[in-house]
């Protein structure tokens, strides 16, 4: 399940939900047992970004997708994208040698 909200002048203007009915995804979510602690741990005041910074980062993500250029997005070097708690095929293989693709390359 995923939820997207469009907030305008502190009011919810749009709601979009996505429900994935993939048995493998459901098993992966259930097997995780609980959210990653990083997702539920509050940031310290110095780690927090302003609302304007968060909006700018979200816009850069959209621009990166539109232009197929991950260098436009401020990804952490260790970023690993998950879909429904599962890692899609993020490996680039050539002649039996594989390497993990970073978020910026994906």
N, C-alpha and C. Protein backbone atom coordinates (compact mmCIF):
# COMPACT_ATOMS: atom_id res chain seq x y z
N UNK A 1 0.84 -1.17 0.00
CA UNK A 1 0.00 0.00 0.00
C UNK A 1 0.88 1.24 0.00
N UNK A 2 0.57 2.19 -0.82
CA UNK A 2 1.29 3.46 -0.84
C UNK A 2 0.26 4.57 -0.91
N UNK A 3 0.62 5.71 -0.38
CA UNK A 3 -0.29 6.85 -0.34
C UNK A 3 0.47 8.10 -0.75
N UNK A 4 -0.14 8.90 -1.63
CA UNK A 4 0.43 10.19 -2.02
C UNK A 4 -0.60 11.25 -1.72
N UNK A 5 -0.17 12.31 -1.06
CA UNK A 5 -1.05 13.43 -0.77
C UNK A 5 -0.54 14.68 -1.47
N UNK A 6 -1.44 15.44 -2.03
CA UNK A 6 -1.07 16.76 -2.56
C UNK A 6 -1.61 17.77 -1.55
N UNK A 7 -0.70 18.52 -0.96
CA UNK A 7 -1.05 19.52 0.04
C UNK A 7 -0.89 20.91 -0.59
N UNK A 8 -1.91 21.73 -0.47
CA UNK A 8 -1.88 23.08 -1.02
C UNK A 8 -2.47 24.01 0.04
N UNK A 9 -1.69 24.97 0.48
CA UNK A 9 -2.11 25.90 1.52
C UNK A 9 -2.60 25.13 2.76
N UNK A 10 -1.82 24.08 3.11
CA UNK A 10 -2.07 23.26 4.29
C UNK A 10 -3.39 22.49 4.23
N UNK A 11 -3.94 22.31 3.04
CA UNK A 11 -5.15 21.51 2.84
C UNK A 11 -4.83 20.35 1.90
N UNK A 12 -5.42 19.21 2.16
CA UNK A 12 -5.24 18.06 1.27
C UNK A 12 -6.10 18.30 0.03
N UNK A 13 -5.45 18.38 -1.14
CA UNK A 13 -6.16 18.63 -2.40
C UNK A 13 -6.31 17.36 -3.23
N UNK A 14 -5.38 16.41 -3.09
CA UNK A 14 -5.45 15.16 -3.83
C UNK A 14 -4.97 14.03 -2.94
N UNK A 15 -5.54 12.85 -3.16
CA UNK A 15 -5.09 11.64 -2.49
C UNK A 15 -4.98 10.55 -3.55
N UNK A 16 -3.85 9.88 -3.59
CA UNK A 16 -3.65 8.77 -4.53
C UNK A 16 -3.19 7.58 -3.72
N UNK A 17 -3.81 6.45 -3.93
CA UNK A 17 -3.40 5.23 -3.24
C UNK A 17 -3.03 4.17 -4.26
N UNK A 18 -2.09 3.33 -3.88
CA UNK A 18 -1.68 2.22 -4.71
C UNK A 18 -1.67 0.97 -3.83
N UNK A 19 -2.36 -0.05 -4.25
CA UNK A 19 -2.37 -1.32 -3.53
C UNK A 19 -1.75 -2.37 -4.45
N UNK A 20 -0.71 -3.02 -3.96
CA UNK A 20 -0.03 -4.05 -4.74
C UNK A 20 -0.53 -5.41 -4.26
N UNK A 21 -1.02 -6.19 -5.17
CA UNK A 21 -1.54 -7.50 -4.83
C UNK A 21 -0.60 -8.62 -5.28
N UNK A 22 0.68 -8.35 -5.17
CA UNK A 22 1.72 -9.31 -5.54
C UNK A 22 2.03 -10.18 -4.32
N UNK A 23 1.78 -11.48 -4.39
CA UNK A 23 2.03 -12.35 -3.23
C UNK A 23 3.48 -12.29 -2.72
N UNK A 24 4.45 -12.20 -3.63
CA UNK A 24 5.86 -12.13 -3.20
C UNK A 24 6.12 -10.84 -2.43
N UNK A 25 5.54 -9.74 -2.89
CA UNK A 25 5.71 -8.46 -2.19
C UNK A 25 5.07 -8.53 -0.81
N UNK A 26 3.88 -9.12 -0.73
CA UNK A 26 3.19 -9.24 0.55
C UNK A 26 4.02 -10.07 1.53
N UNK A 27 4.61 -11.16 1.06
CA UNK A 27 5.45 -12.00 1.92
C UNK A 27 6.67 -11.23 2.41
N UNK A 28 7.28 -10.44 1.53
CA UNK A 28 8.47 -9.67 1.91
C UNK A 28 8.11 -8.63 2.97
N UNK A 29 6.96 -8.00 2.81
CA UNK A 29 6.53 -6.99 3.78
C UNK A 29 6.26 -7.66 5.13
N UNK A 30 5.54 -8.77 5.11
CA UNK A 30 5.23 -9.48 6.36
C UNK A 30 6.49 -10.01 7.02
N UNK A 31 7.43 -10.50 6.23
CA UNK A 31 8.67 -11.07 6.77
C UNK A 31 9.52 -10.01 7.46
N UNK A 32 9.39 -8.77 7.01
CA UNK A 32 10.19 -7.70 7.62
C UNK A 32 9.75 -7.45 9.06
N UNK A 33 8.49 -7.78 9.39
CA UNK A 33 8.02 -7.68 10.75
C UNK A 33 7.70 -6.29 11.24
N UNK A 34 8.55 -5.36 10.95
CA UNK A 34 8.34 -3.99 11.40
C UNK A 34 9.12 -3.05 10.50
N UNK A 35 8.77 -1.77 10.53
CA UNK A 35 9.50 -0.82 9.68
C UNK A 35 10.97 -0.73 10.08
N UNK A 36 11.79 -0.36 9.12
CA UNK A 36 13.19 -0.10 9.39
C UNK A 36 13.26 1.01 10.44
N UNK A 37 14.04 0.83 11.51
CA UNK A 37 14.13 1.86 12.56
C UNK A 37 14.48 3.25 12.02
N UNK A 38 15.22 3.31 10.92
CA UNK A 38 15.55 4.62 10.35
C UNK A 38 14.31 5.37 9.90
N UNK A 39 13.25 4.63 9.55
CA UNK A 39 12.04 5.27 9.06
C UNK A 39 11.15 5.81 10.17
N UNK A 40 11.36 5.36 11.40
CA UNK A 40 10.51 5.80 12.50
C UNK A 40 11.28 6.57 13.58
N UNK A 41 12.55 6.81 13.35
CA UNK A 41 13.37 7.55 14.30
C UNK A 41 13.36 9.03 13.94
N UNK A 42 13.02 9.86 14.91
CA UNK A 42 12.97 11.31 14.67
C UNK A 42 14.38 11.85 14.44
N UNK A 43 14.48 12.79 13.52
CA UNK A 43 15.75 13.45 13.25
C UNK A 43 16.01 14.50 14.32
N UNK A 44 17.29 14.75 14.57
CA UNK A 44 17.63 15.84 15.48
C UNK A 44 17.37 17.16 14.76
N UNK A 45 17.30 18.21 15.49
CA UNK A 45 17.03 19.53 14.92
C UNK A 45 18.04 19.88 13.84
N UNK A 46 19.31 19.55 14.06
CA UNK A 46 20.34 19.90 13.08
C UNK A 46 20.26 19.04 11.83
N UNK A 47 19.65 17.84 11.91
CA UNK A 47 19.51 16.97 10.75
C UNK A 47 18.30 17.32 9.88
N UNK A 48 17.38 18.06 10.42
CA UNK A 48 16.14 18.36 9.70
C UNK A 48 16.35 19.38 8.60
N UNK A 49 15.57 19.23 7.54
CA UNK A 49 15.59 20.18 6.42
C UNK A 49 14.34 21.05 6.50
N UNK A 50 14.44 22.22 5.95
CA UNK A 50 13.26 23.11 5.92
C UNK A 50 12.24 22.57 4.91
N UNK A 51 11.03 23.04 5.02
CA UNK A 51 9.98 22.64 4.08
C UNK A 51 10.39 22.98 2.65
N UNK A 52 10.95 24.17 2.46
CA UNK A 52 11.38 24.58 1.12
C UNK A 52 12.48 23.66 0.57
N UNK A 53 13.41 23.24 1.43
CA UNK A 53 14.46 22.31 0.99
C UNK A 53 13.87 20.96 0.60
N UNK A 54 12.90 20.48 1.37
CA UNK A 54 12.27 19.19 1.06
C UNK A 54 11.52 19.26 -0.26
N UNK A 55 10.84 20.35 -0.50
CA UNK A 55 10.13 20.54 -1.77
C UNK A 55 11.13 20.57 -2.93
N UNK A 56 12.23 21.26 -2.75
CA UNK A 56 13.25 21.35 -3.80
C UNK A 56 13.84 19.97 -4.11
N UNK A 57 14.08 19.17 -3.07
CA UNK A 57 14.62 17.82 -3.28
C UNK A 57 13.60 16.96 -4.02
N UNK A 58 12.33 17.04 -3.62
CA UNK A 58 11.28 16.26 -4.31
C UNK A 58 11.20 16.67 -5.78
N UNK A 59 11.31 17.96 -6.06
CA UNK A 59 11.27 18.43 -7.44
C UNK A 59 12.49 17.93 -8.22
N UNK A 60 13.64 17.88 -7.58
CA UNK A 60 14.84 17.36 -8.25
C UNK A 60 14.68 15.89 -8.60
N UNK A 61 13.99 15.14 -7.73
CA UNK A 61 13.74 13.72 -8.01
C UNK A 61 12.91 13.59 -9.28
N UNK A 62 11.85 14.40 -9.37
CA UNK A 62 11.01 14.37 -10.58
C UNK A 62 11.81 14.76 -11.81
N UNK A 63 12.65 15.78 -11.69
CA UNK A 63 13.48 16.21 -12.82
C UNK A 63 14.45 15.10 -13.23
N UNK A 64 15.02 14.41 -12.25
CA UNK A 64 15.93 13.32 -12.55
C UNK A 64 15.24 12.22 -13.35
N UNK A 65 14.00 11.92 -12.99
CA UNK A 65 13.24 10.91 -13.73
C UNK A 65 12.92 11.41 -15.14
N UNK A 66 12.44 12.65 -15.23
CA UNK A 66 12.07 13.21 -16.54
C UNK A 66 13.24 13.26 -17.50
N UNK A 67 14.43 13.57 -16.98
CA UNK A 67 15.62 13.71 -17.83
C UNK A 67 16.50 12.45 -17.83
N UNK A 68 16.05 11.42 -17.11
CA UNK A 68 16.83 10.18 -17.00
C UNK A 68 18.26 10.48 -16.56
N UNK A 69 18.38 11.33 -15.53
CA UNK A 69 19.69 11.76 -15.06
C UNK A 69 19.70 11.78 -13.53
N UNK A 70 20.20 10.71 -12.93
CA UNK A 70 20.26 10.62 -11.48
C UNK A 70 21.20 11.60 -10.84
N UNK A 71 22.07 12.22 -11.62
CA UNK A 71 23.00 13.20 -11.06
C UNK A 71 22.29 14.49 -10.67
N UNK A 72 21.04 14.67 -11.10
CA UNK A 72 20.27 15.86 -10.72
C UNK A 72 19.71 15.74 -9.31
N UNK A 73 19.74 14.54 -8.76
CA UNK A 73 19.10 14.26 -7.47
C UNK A 73 20.15 14.07 -6.39
N UNK A 74 19.96 14.68 -5.21
CA UNK A 74 20.96 14.54 -4.14
C UNK A 74 20.83 13.20 -3.39
N UNK A 75 21.11 12.09 -4.09
CA UNK A 75 21.05 10.77 -3.48
C UNK A 75 22.23 10.56 -2.54
N UNK A 76 22.00 9.83 -1.47
CA UNK A 76 23.09 9.37 -0.62
C UNK A 76 23.86 8.32 -1.42
N UNK A 77 25.18 8.28 -1.32
CA UNK A 77 25.95 7.30 -2.09
C UNK A 77 25.55 5.84 -1.79
N UNK A 78 25.00 5.58 -0.60
CA UNK A 78 24.60 4.23 -0.23
C UNK A 78 23.11 3.98 -0.46
N UNK A 79 22.44 4.86 -1.16
CA UNK A 79 21.01 4.73 -1.40
C UNK A 79 20.71 3.41 -2.12
N UNK A 80 19.67 2.73 -1.65
CA UNK A 80 19.21 1.51 -2.29
C UNK A 80 17.69 1.60 -2.40
N UNK A 81 17.18 1.59 -3.59
CA UNK A 81 15.74 1.75 -3.82
C UNK A 81 15.03 0.42 -3.59
N UNK A 82 13.93 0.47 -2.86
CA UNK A 82 13.10 -0.70 -2.63
C UNK A 82 11.71 -0.45 -3.21
N UNK A 83 11.11 -1.49 -3.71
CA UNK A 83 9.73 -1.46 -4.17
C UNK A 83 8.98 -2.51 -3.38
N UNK A 84 8.03 -2.10 -2.56
CA UNK A 84 7.28 -3.04 -1.73
C UNK A 84 8.20 -3.91 -0.88
N UNK A 85 9.19 -3.27 -0.26
CA UNK A 85 10.17 -3.92 0.60
C UNK A 85 11.03 -4.94 -0.13
N UNK A 86 11.02 -4.89 -1.46
CA UNK A 86 11.84 -5.81 -2.25
C UNK A 86 12.77 -4.97 -3.13
N UNK A 87 13.98 -5.44 -3.32
CA UNK A 87 14.92 -4.75 -4.20
C UNK A 87 14.72 -5.29 -5.62
N UNK A 88 14.30 -4.42 -6.53
CA UNK A 88 14.24 -4.87 -7.93
C UNK A 88 15.65 -5.20 -8.41
N UNK A 89 15.77 -5.71 -9.60
CA UNK A 89 17.07 -6.08 -10.12
C UNK A 89 17.92 -4.83 -10.31
N UNK A 90 18.79 -4.56 -9.35
CA UNK A 90 19.63 -3.37 -9.38
C UNK A 90 21.07 -3.71 -9.73
N UNK A 91 21.25 -4.75 -10.52
CA UNK A 91 22.60 -5.17 -10.87
C UNK A 91 22.84 -5.00 -12.37
N UNK A 92 24.01 -4.54 -12.68
CA UNK A 92 24.44 -4.44 -14.06
C UNK A 92 25.44 -5.57 -14.28
N UNK A 93 25.14 -6.44 -15.20
CA UNK A 93 26.01 -7.60 -15.42
C UNK A 93 26.58 -7.58 -16.83
N UNK A 94 27.83 -7.92 -16.93
CA UNK A 94 28.50 -8.01 -18.22
C UNK A 94 29.51 -9.15 -18.13
N UNK A 95 29.37 -10.13 -18.98
CA UNK A 95 30.29 -11.27 -19.00
C UNK A 95 30.45 -11.89 -17.62
N UNK A 96 29.32 -12.19 -16.98
CA UNK A 96 29.26 -12.87 -15.68
C UNK A 96 29.81 -12.04 -14.52
N UNK A 97 30.11 -10.77 -14.75
CA UNK A 97 30.54 -9.90 -13.66
C UNK A 97 29.43 -8.90 -13.41
N UNK A 98 29.01 -8.78 -12.16
CA UNK A 98 27.91 -7.89 -11.81
C UNK A 98 28.36 -6.84 -10.81
N UNK A 99 27.69 -5.70 -10.87
CA UNK A 99 27.91 -4.67 -9.84
C UNK A 99 26.56 -4.08 -9.47
N UNK A 100 26.44 -3.67 -8.23
CA UNK A 100 25.20 -3.09 -7.73
C UNK A 100 25.08 -1.67 -8.29
N UNK A 101 23.88 -1.35 -8.79
CA UNK A 101 23.64 -0.01 -9.30
C UNK A 101 23.19 0.90 -8.18
N UNK A 102 23.72 2.10 -8.11
CA UNK A 102 23.29 3.07 -7.11
C UNK A 102 21.95 3.68 -7.55
N UNK A 103 21.31 4.39 -6.64
CA UNK A 103 20.04 5.05 -6.98
C UNK A 103 20.22 6.03 -8.13
N UNK A 104 21.34 6.74 -8.13
CA UNK A 104 21.58 7.73 -9.18
C UNK A 104 21.68 7.08 -10.56
N UNK A 105 22.21 5.87 -10.64
CA UNK A 105 22.38 5.18 -11.92
C UNK A 105 21.07 4.54 -12.37
N UNK A 106 20.26 4.11 -11.41
CA UNK A 106 19.01 3.44 -11.77
C UNK A 106 18.10 4.39 -12.47
